[in-house]
Amino acid sequence: MALAFGLVLLITVVIAGLGVWRLQELEKVTQQLTTVDNERLRATMEWRQAIESNWIRTRAAALDSSTDRLTAWQAEIEKTSATATTARKTVEDLIRTDAGRQLVINIDKAREAYRGPRTELLKRKAAGEDVASILENEIAC
């Protein structure tokens, strides 16, 4: 009888030990989700919002009937680009997989493919050229 009770007690201790071990593993996963993954998500959303805001500003600057406000538009675009760069760096620092790093590389390529024509478009706008068709046909597509 004592042997059976001892065996049941041993099984209970082993199960409790496994339970504690699993809880510690869950704590690590929870910590990962609530800190690193949450921070990466926040930075990704900030990055996306900055890109979207700059697209709206670029359209507004290009379609503005006056070139008087172009300097202000460009200053806002540069300020938001700095925010996007900071958010991008945060995302890159928090990525753990090669697939994630490749996505950032692809985004960087697309960003550079957009920034060059945007700069040229705004220069042409500053020179007084009507750039609405260029915006719609070359940059927006």
N, C-alpha and C. Protein backbone atom coordinates (compact mmCIF):
# COMPACT_ATOMS: atom_id res chain seq x y z
N MET A 1 0.83 -1.18 0.00
CA MET A 1 0.00 0.00 0.00
C MET A 1 0.88 1.26 0.00
N ALA A 2 1.90 1.26 0.82
CA ALA A 2 2.81 2.40 0.89
C ALA A 2 3.55 2.56 -0.44
N LEU A 3 3.89 1.44 -1.06
CA LEU A 3 4.57 1.49 -2.35
C LEU A 3 3.66 2.11 -3.42
N ALA A 4 2.39 1.74 -3.44
CA ALA A 4 1.44 2.29 -4.41
C ALA A 4 1.25 3.79 -4.16
N PHE A 5 1.13 4.17 -2.89
CA PHE A 5 0.99 5.59 -2.56
C PHE A 5 2.24 6.37 -2.99
N GLY A 6 3.40 5.81 -2.76
CA GLY A 6 4.64 6.44 -3.17
C GLY A 6 4.73 6.60 -4.68
N LEU A 7 4.25 5.59 -5.41
CA LEU A 7 4.25 5.65 -6.87
C LEU A 7 3.30 6.74 -7.37
N VAL A 8 2.12 6.82 -6.77
CA VAL A 8 1.16 7.86 -7.14
C VAL A 8 1.75 9.24 -6.83
N LEU A 9 2.38 9.36 -5.69
CA LEU A 9 3.01 10.62 -5.31
C LEU A 9 4.13 10.99 -6.28
N LEU A 10 4.93 10.02 -6.70
CA LEU A 10 6.01 10.26 -7.66
C LEU A 10 5.44 10.72 -9.01
N ILE A 11 4.38 10.06 -9.46
CA ILE A 11 3.75 10.45 -10.72
C ILE A 11 3.21 11.87 -10.62
N THR A 12 2.61 12.21 -9.49
CA THR A 12 2.08 13.56 -9.27
C THR A 12 3.19 14.60 -9.31
N VAL A 13 4.32 14.30 -8.70
CA VAL A 13 5.46 15.22 -8.69
C VAL A 13 6.00 15.40 -10.11
N VAL A 14 6.09 14.32 -10.87
CA VAL A 14 6.58 14.40 -12.25
C VAL A 14 5.63 15.25 -13.10
N ILE A 15 4.34 15.02 -12.96
CA ILE A 15 3.35 15.79 -13.72
C ILE A 15 3.41 17.26 -13.33
N ALA A 16 3.54 17.54 -12.03
CA ALA A 16 3.64 18.93 -11.58
C ALA A 16 4.91 19.57 -12.13
N GLY A 17 6.01 18.83 -12.15
CA GLY A 17 7.26 19.35 -12.71
C GLY A 17 7.13 19.66 -14.19
N LEU A 18 6.47 18.78 -14.93
CA LEU A 18 6.23 19.03 -16.36
C LEU A 18 5.34 20.26 -16.54
N GLY A 19 4.35 20.40 -15.68
CA GLY A 19 3.46 21.56 -15.75
C GLY A 19 4.22 22.86 -15.53
N VAL A 20 5.09 22.87 -14.53
CA VAL A 20 5.89 24.07 -14.25
C VAL A 20 6.82 24.37 -15.43
N TRP A 21 7.43 23.34 -15.99
CA TRP A 21 8.32 23.54 -17.13
C TRP A 21 7.56 24.13 -18.32
N ARG A 22 6.35 23.61 -18.59
CA ARG A 22 5.53 24.13 -19.70
C ARG A 22 5.11 25.57 -19.44
N LEU A 23 4.79 25.89 -18.20
CA LEU A 23 4.42 27.26 -17.86
C LEU A 23 5.60 28.21 -18.09
N GLN A 24 6.80 27.77 -17.79
CA GLN A 24 7.98 28.60 -18.04
C GLN A 24 8.18 28.81 -19.54
N GLU A 25 7.94 27.78 -20.32
CA GLU A 25 8.03 27.91 -21.78
C GLU A 25 6.97 28.88 -22.30
N LEU A 26 5.76 28.78 -21.77
CA LEU A 26 4.69 29.69 -22.18
C LEU A 26 5.02 31.13 -21.77
N GLU A 27 5.68 31.29 -20.65
CA GLU A 27 6.08 32.63 -20.22
C GLU A 27 7.06 33.25 -21.22
N LYS A 28 7.99 32.44 -21.72
CA LYS A 28 8.94 32.94 -22.72
C LYS A 28 8.22 33.36 -24.00
N VAL A 29 7.27 32.54 -24.44
CA VAL A 29 6.51 32.86 -25.65
C VAL A 29 5.69 34.13 -25.44
N THR A 30 5.05 34.22 -24.29
CA THR A 30 4.26 35.41 -23.97
C THR A 30 5.14 36.65 -23.94
N GLN A 31 6.30 36.53 -23.35
CA GLN A 31 7.25 37.65 -23.30
C GLN A 31 7.64 38.08 -24.71
N GLN A 32 7.89 37.10 -25.57
CA GLN A 32 8.25 37.39 -26.97
C GLN A 32 7.12 38.12 -27.67
N LEU A 33 5.90 37.63 -27.49
CA LEU A 33 4.75 38.24 -28.16
C LEU A 33 4.46 39.64 -27.65
N THR A 34 4.60 39.85 -26.36
CA THR A 34 4.24 41.15 -25.79
C THR A 34 5.34 42.19 -25.89
N THR A 35 6.54 41.79 -26.19
CA THR A 35 7.61 42.79 -26.30
C THR A 35 8.12 42.88 -27.73
N VAL A 36 8.88 41.92 -28.16
CA VAL A 36 9.55 41.99 -29.46
C VAL A 36 8.54 42.03 -30.62
N ASP A 37 7.63 41.09 -30.64
CA ASP A 37 6.68 41.03 -31.76
C ASP A 37 5.77 42.24 -31.76
N ASN A 38 5.35 42.69 -30.59
CA ASN A 38 4.50 43.87 -30.50
C ASN A 38 5.24 45.12 -30.96
N GLU A 39 6.49 45.25 -30.58
CA GLU A 39 7.30 46.40 -31.00
C GLU A 39 7.52 46.38 -32.51
N ARG A 40 7.77 45.19 -33.06
CA ARG A 40 7.96 45.07 -34.51
C ARG A 40 6.67 45.44 -35.25
N LEU A 41 5.54 45.00 -34.74
CA LEU A 41 4.26 45.35 -35.35
C LEU A 41 4.02 46.85 -35.30
N ARG A 42 4.29 47.47 -34.15
CA ARG A 42 4.10 48.91 -34.01
C ARG A 42 4.99 49.67 -34.99
N ALA A 43 6.26 49.27 -35.08
CA ALA A 43 7.19 49.94 -36.00
C ALA A 43 6.78 49.72 -37.46
N THR A 44 6.29 48.53 -37.77
CA THR A 44 5.84 48.25 -39.14
C THR A 44 4.65 49.12 -39.51
N MET A 45 3.73 49.27 -38.58
CA MET A 45 2.56 50.11 -38.83
C MET A 45 2.97 51.58 -38.99
N GLU A 46 3.92 52.02 -38.17
CA GLU A 46 4.41 53.39 -38.27
C GLU A 46 5.11 53.61 -39.62
N TRP A 47 5.89 52.64 -40.04
CA TRP A 47 6.59 52.69 -41.33
C TRP A 47 5.57 52.79 -42.47
N ARG A 48 4.57 51.92 -42.44
CA ARG A 48 3.55 51.93 -43.48
C ARG A 48 2.80 53.26 -43.51
N GLN A 49 2.45 53.77 -42.35
CA GLN A 49 1.72 55.04 -42.27
C GLN A 49 2.57 56.18 -42.83
N ALA A 50 3.86 56.18 -42.54
CA ALA A 50 4.74 57.23 -43.07
C ALA A 50 4.82 57.16 -44.59
N ILE A 51 4.91 55.96 -45.13
CA ILE A 51 4.96 55.79 -46.58
C ILE A 51 3.66 56.29 -47.21
N GLU A 52 2.55 55.91 -46.61
CA GLU A 52 1.25 56.34 -47.14
C GLU A 52 1.09 57.86 -47.06
N SER A 53 1.52 58.44 -45.94
CA SER A 53 1.44 59.90 -45.79
C SER A 53 2.29 60.61 -46.84
N ASN A 54 3.46 60.08 -47.10
CA ASN A 54 4.32 60.71 -48.10
C ASN A 54 3.75 60.58 -49.50
N TRP A 55 3.07 59.49 -49.78
CA TRP A 55 2.43 59.36 -51.09
C TRP A 55 1.35 60.43 -51.24
N ILE A 56 0.57 60.63 -50.19
CA ILE A 56 -0.48 61.66 -50.23
C ILE A 56 0.15 63.04 -50.41
N ARG A 57 1.23 63.31 -49.69
CA ARG A 57 1.92 64.60 -49.81
C ARG A 57 2.51 64.79 -51.20
N THR A 58 3.08 63.73 -51.75
CA THR A 58 3.65 63.81 -53.10
C THR A 58 2.56 64.15 -54.11
N ARG A 59 1.43 63.48 -54.01
CA ARG A 59 0.31 63.78 -54.92
C ARG A 59 -0.15 65.22 -54.74
N ALA A 60 -0.28 65.64 -53.49
CA ALA A 60 -0.74 67.01 -53.23
C ALA A 60 0.24 68.03 -53.78
N ALA A 61 1.53 67.79 -53.58
CA ALA A 61 2.55 68.72 -54.08
C ALA A 61 2.54 68.76 -55.61
N ALA A 62 2.41 67.61 -56.23
CA ALA A 62 2.44 67.56 -57.70
C ALA A 62 1.18 68.16 -58.31
N LEU A 63 0.07 68.01 -57.65
CA LEU A 63 -1.20 68.49 -58.21
C LEU A 63 -1.56 69.89 -57.74
N ASP A 64 -0.78 70.44 -56.81
CA ASP A 64 -1.04 71.80 -56.32
C ASP A 64 -0.88 72.78 -57.48
N SER A 65 -1.81 73.69 -57.60
CA SER A 65 -1.76 74.63 -58.73
C SER A 65 -0.66 75.67 -58.58
N SER A 66 -0.15 75.82 -57.37
CA SER A 66 0.89 76.82 -57.12
C SER A 66 2.19 76.14 -56.71
N THR A 67 3.30 76.72 -57.12
CA THR A 67 4.60 76.20 -56.68
C THR A 67 5.07 76.87 -55.40
N ASP A 68 4.28 77.83 -54.90
CA ASP A 68 4.67 78.55 -53.69
C ASP A 68 4.74 77.63 -52.47
N ARG A 69 3.90 76.63 -52.42
CA ARG A 69 3.85 75.73 -51.26
C ARG A 69 4.74 74.50 -51.43
N LEU A 70 5.43 74.40 -52.54
CA LEU A 70 6.24 73.21 -52.82
C LEU A 70 7.34 73.00 -51.79
N THR A 71 7.97 74.07 -51.35
CA THR A 71 9.03 73.95 -50.34
C THR A 71 8.47 73.36 -49.04
N ALA A 72 7.29 73.81 -48.65
CA ALA A 72 6.66 73.29 -47.44
C ALA A 72 6.31 71.81 -47.60
N TRP A 73 5.79 71.45 -48.78
CA TRP A 73 5.48 70.05 -49.04
C TRP A 73 6.74 69.19 -48.95
N GLN A 74 7.82 69.67 -49.57
CA GLN A 74 9.07 68.91 -49.57
C GLN A 74 9.63 68.76 -48.16
N ALA A 75 9.50 69.80 -47.34
CA ALA A 75 9.98 69.71 -45.95
C ALA A 75 9.19 68.64 -45.19
N GLU A 76 7.89 68.61 -45.39
CA GLU A 76 7.06 67.59 -44.73
C GLU A 76 7.40 66.19 -45.23
N ILE A 77 7.64 66.08 -46.52
CA ILE A 77 8.01 64.78 -47.09
C ILE A 77 9.33 64.30 -46.49
N GLU A 78 10.31 65.19 -46.39
CA GLU A 78 11.61 64.80 -45.81
C GLU A 78 11.48 64.42 -44.34
N LYS A 79 10.68 65.16 -43.61
CA LYS A 79 10.46 64.86 -42.19
C LYS A 79 9.83 63.48 -42.03
N THR A 80 8.83 63.20 -42.83
CA THR A 80 8.17 61.90 -42.76
C THR A 80 9.09 60.79 -43.25
N SER A 81 9.93 61.08 -44.22
CA SER A 81 10.91 60.08 -44.69
C SER A 81 11.87 59.70 -43.57
N ALA A 82 12.25 60.68 -42.76
CA ALA A 82 13.12 60.39 -41.62
C ALA A 82 12.41 59.47 -40.62
N THR A 83 11.13 59.72 -40.40
CA THR A 83 10.34 58.86 -39.51
C THR A 83 10.26 57.45 -40.09
N ALA A 84 10.04 57.36 -41.39
CA ALA A 84 9.96 56.05 -42.05
C ALA A 84 11.29 55.30 -41.94
N THR A 85 12.38 56.01 -42.08
CA THR A 85 13.70 55.38 -41.98
C THR A 85 13.95 54.85 -40.57
N THR A 86 13.56 55.62 -39.57
CA THR A 86 13.71 55.18 -38.18
C THR A 86 12.86 53.93 -37.91
N ALA A 87 11.62 53.95 -38.37
CA ALA A 87 10.73 52.80 -38.18
C ALA A 87 11.27 51.58 -38.92
N ARG A 88 11.79 51.79 -40.12
CA ARG A 88 12.37 50.70 -40.91
C ARG A 88 13.54 50.07 -40.18
N LYS A 89 14.39 50.90 -39.60
CA LYS A 89 15.55 50.39 -38.85
C LYS A 89 15.09 49.54 -37.66
N THR A 90 14.07 50.01 -36.97
CA THR A 90 13.53 49.26 -35.84
C THR A 90 13.01 47.90 -36.30
N VAL A 91 12.27 47.89 -37.39
CA VAL A 91 11.74 46.64 -37.94
C VAL A 91 12.89 45.71 -38.31
N GLU A 92 13.88 46.25 -38.99
CA GLU A 92 15.02 45.43 -39.41
C GLU A 92 15.75 44.83 -38.21
N ASP A 93 15.91 45.62 -37.16
CA ASP A 93 16.60 45.13 -35.96
C ASP A 93 15.83 44.01 -35.26
N LEU A 94 14.51 44.00 -35.40
CA LEU A 94 13.68 43.02 -34.69
C LEU A 94 13.33 41.80 -35.53
N ILE A 95 13.76 41.77 -36.79
CA ILE A 95 13.47 40.62 -37.65
C ILE A 95 14.41 39.48 -37.28
N ARG A 96 13.83 38.26 -37.22
CA ARG A 96 14.62 37.10 -36.82
C ARG A 96 14.82 36.10 -37.96
N THR A 97 14.10 36.25 -39.06
CA THR A 97 14.18 35.24 -40.12
C THR A 97 14.80 35.83 -41.39
N ASP A 98 15.35 34.95 -42.19
CA ASP A 98 15.91 35.37 -43.48
C ASP A 98 14.81 35.84 -44.42
N ALA A 99 13.65 35.21 -44.35
CA ALA A 99 12.53 35.63 -45.20
C ALA A 99 12.11 37.06 -44.86
N GLY A 100 12.10 37.39 -43.58
CA GLY A 100 11.78 38.76 -43.17
C GLY A 100 12.81 39.75 -43.65
N ARG A 101 14.08 39.38 -43.57
CA ARG A 101 15.15 40.26 -44.05
C ARG A 101 15.04 40.47 -45.56
N GLN A 102 14.66 39.42 -46.28
CA GLN A 102 14.49 39.54 -47.73
C GLN A 102 13.34 40.47 -48.06
N LEU A 103 12.27 40.43 -47.28
CA LEU A 103 11.15 41.35 -47.50
C LEU A 103 11.60 42.80 -47.35
N VAL A 104 12.41 43.07 -46.34
CA VAL A 104 12.91 44.44 -46.13
C VAL A 104 13.80 44.86 -47.29
N ILE A 105 14.62 43.96 -47.79
CA ILE A 105 15.46 44.26 -48.95
C ILE A 105 14.59 44.60 -50.16
N ASN A 106 13.54 43.83 -50.38
CA ASN A 106 12.63 44.09 -51.51
C ASN A 106 11.92 45.44 -51.34
N ILE A 107 11.52 45.75 -50.13
CA ILE A 107 10.88 47.04 -49.86
C ILE A 107 11.86 48.17 -50.11
N ASP A 108 13.10 47.99 -49.69
CA ASP A 108 14.12 49.03 -49.92
C ASP A 108 14.33 49.28 -51.42
N LYS A 109 14.33 48.22 -52.20
CA LYS A 109 14.49 48.37 -53.65
C LYS A 109 13.31 49.15 -54.24
N ALA A 110 12.11 48.81 -53.81
CA ALA A 110 10.92 49.52 -54.30
C ALA A 110 10.94 50.97 -53.84
N ARG A 111 11.40 51.20 -52.63
CA ARG A 111 11.47 52.57 -52.11
C ARG A 111 12.43 53.42 -52.93
N GLU A 112 13.59 52.88 -53.24
CA GLU A 112 14.55 53.63 -54.05
C GLU A 112 14.05 53.85 -55.47
N ALA A 113 13.34 52.85 -56.00
CA ALA A 113 12.77 53.00 -57.35
C ALA A 113 11.71 54.10 -57.38
N TYR A 114 11.10 54.38 -56.25
CA TYR A 114 10.08 55.43 -56.16
C TYR A 114 10.69 56.79 -55.84
N ARG A 115 11.68 56.80 -54.94
CA ARG A 115 12.22 58.08 -54.47
C ARG A 115 12.93 58.87 -55.56
N GLY A 116 13.65 58.20 -56.43
CA GLY A 116 14.33 58.90 -57.52
C GLY A 116 13.36 59.64 -58.43
N PRO A 117 12.38 58.93 -58.99
CA PRO A 117 11.40 59.62 -59.83
C PRO A 117 10.61 60.70 -59.08
N ARG A 118 10.33 60.47 -57.80
CA ARG A 118 9.62 61.48 -57.02
C ARG A 118 10.44 62.76 -56.91
N THR A 119 11.73 62.62 -56.65
CA THR A 119 12.60 63.79 -56.56
C THR A 119 12.64 64.53 -57.88
N GLU A 120 12.77 63.78 -58.96
CA GLU A 120 12.78 64.39 -60.30
C GLU A 120 11.45 65.09 -60.59
N LEU A 121 10.36 64.47 -60.22
CA LEU A 121 9.03 65.05 -60.43
C LEU A 121 8.90 66.38 -59.69
N LEU A 122 9.35 66.41 -58.44
CA LEU A 122 9.24 67.64 -57.65
C LEU A 122 10.17 68.73 -58.18
N LYS A 123 11.32 68.35 -58.74
CA LYS A 123 12.20 69.34 -59.36
C LYS A 123 11.52 69.96 -60.58
N ARG A 124 10.89 69.11 -61.37
CA ARG A 124 10.20 69.61 -62.56
C ARG A 124 9.02 70.49 -62.16
N LYS A 125 8.35 70.13 -61.09
CA LYS A 125 7.23 70.95 -60.59
C LYS A 125 7.76 72.30 -60.13
N ALA A 126 8.90 72.32 -59.44
CA ALA A 126 9.50 73.57 -58.98
C ALA A 126 9.89 74.46 -60.15
N ALA A 127 10.24 73.84 -61.27
CA ALA A 127 10.60 74.60 -62.47
C ALA A 127 9.37 75.13 -63.20
N GLY A 128 8.18 74.79 -62.69
CA GLY A 128 6.96 75.31 -63.28
C GLY A 128 6.25 74.39 -64.25
N GLU A 129 6.77 73.19 -64.43
CA GLU A 129 6.17 72.24 -65.37
C GLU A 129 4.91 71.61 -64.76
N ASP A 130 3.93 71.33 -65.60
CA ASP A 130 2.73 70.61 -65.16
C ASP A 130 3.09 69.12 -65.13
N VAL A 131 3.11 68.55 -63.95
CA VAL A 131 3.59 67.18 -63.79
C VAL A 131 2.47 66.18 -63.46
N ALA A 132 1.23 66.62 -63.58
CA ALA A 132 0.11 65.74 -63.22
C ALA A 132 0.10 64.45 -64.04
N SER A 133 0.34 64.55 -65.33
CA SER A 133 0.32 63.34 -66.17
C SER A 133 1.50 62.43 -65.85
N ILE A 134 2.64 63.02 -65.54
CA ILE A 134 3.81 62.22 -65.16
C ILE A 134 3.52 61.47 -63.88
N LEU A 135 2.89 62.15 -62.93
CA LEU A 135 2.54 61.53 -61.66
C LEU A 135 1.64 60.31 -61.88
N GLU A 136 0.61 60.48 -62.67
CA GLU A 136 -0.36 59.41 -62.88
C GLU A 136 0.19 58.29 -63.76
N ASN A 137 0.99 58.62 -64.76
CA ASN A 137 1.43 57.62 -65.73
C ASN A 137 2.74 56.92 -65.36
N GLU A 138 3.62 57.60 -64.65
CA GLU A 138 4.94 57.02 -64.38
C GLU A 138 5.15 56.63 -62.92
N ILE A 139 4.66 57.45 -62.02
CA ILE A 139 4.94 57.19 -60.61
C ILE A 139 3.83 56.40 -59.94
N ALA A 140 2.60 56.70 -60.24
CA ALA A 140 1.48 56.05 -59.56
C ALA A 140 1.28 54.60 -59.98
N CYS A 141 1.85 54.19 -61.09
CA CYS A 141 1.61 52.81 -61.54
C CYS A 141 2.58 51.84 -60.99
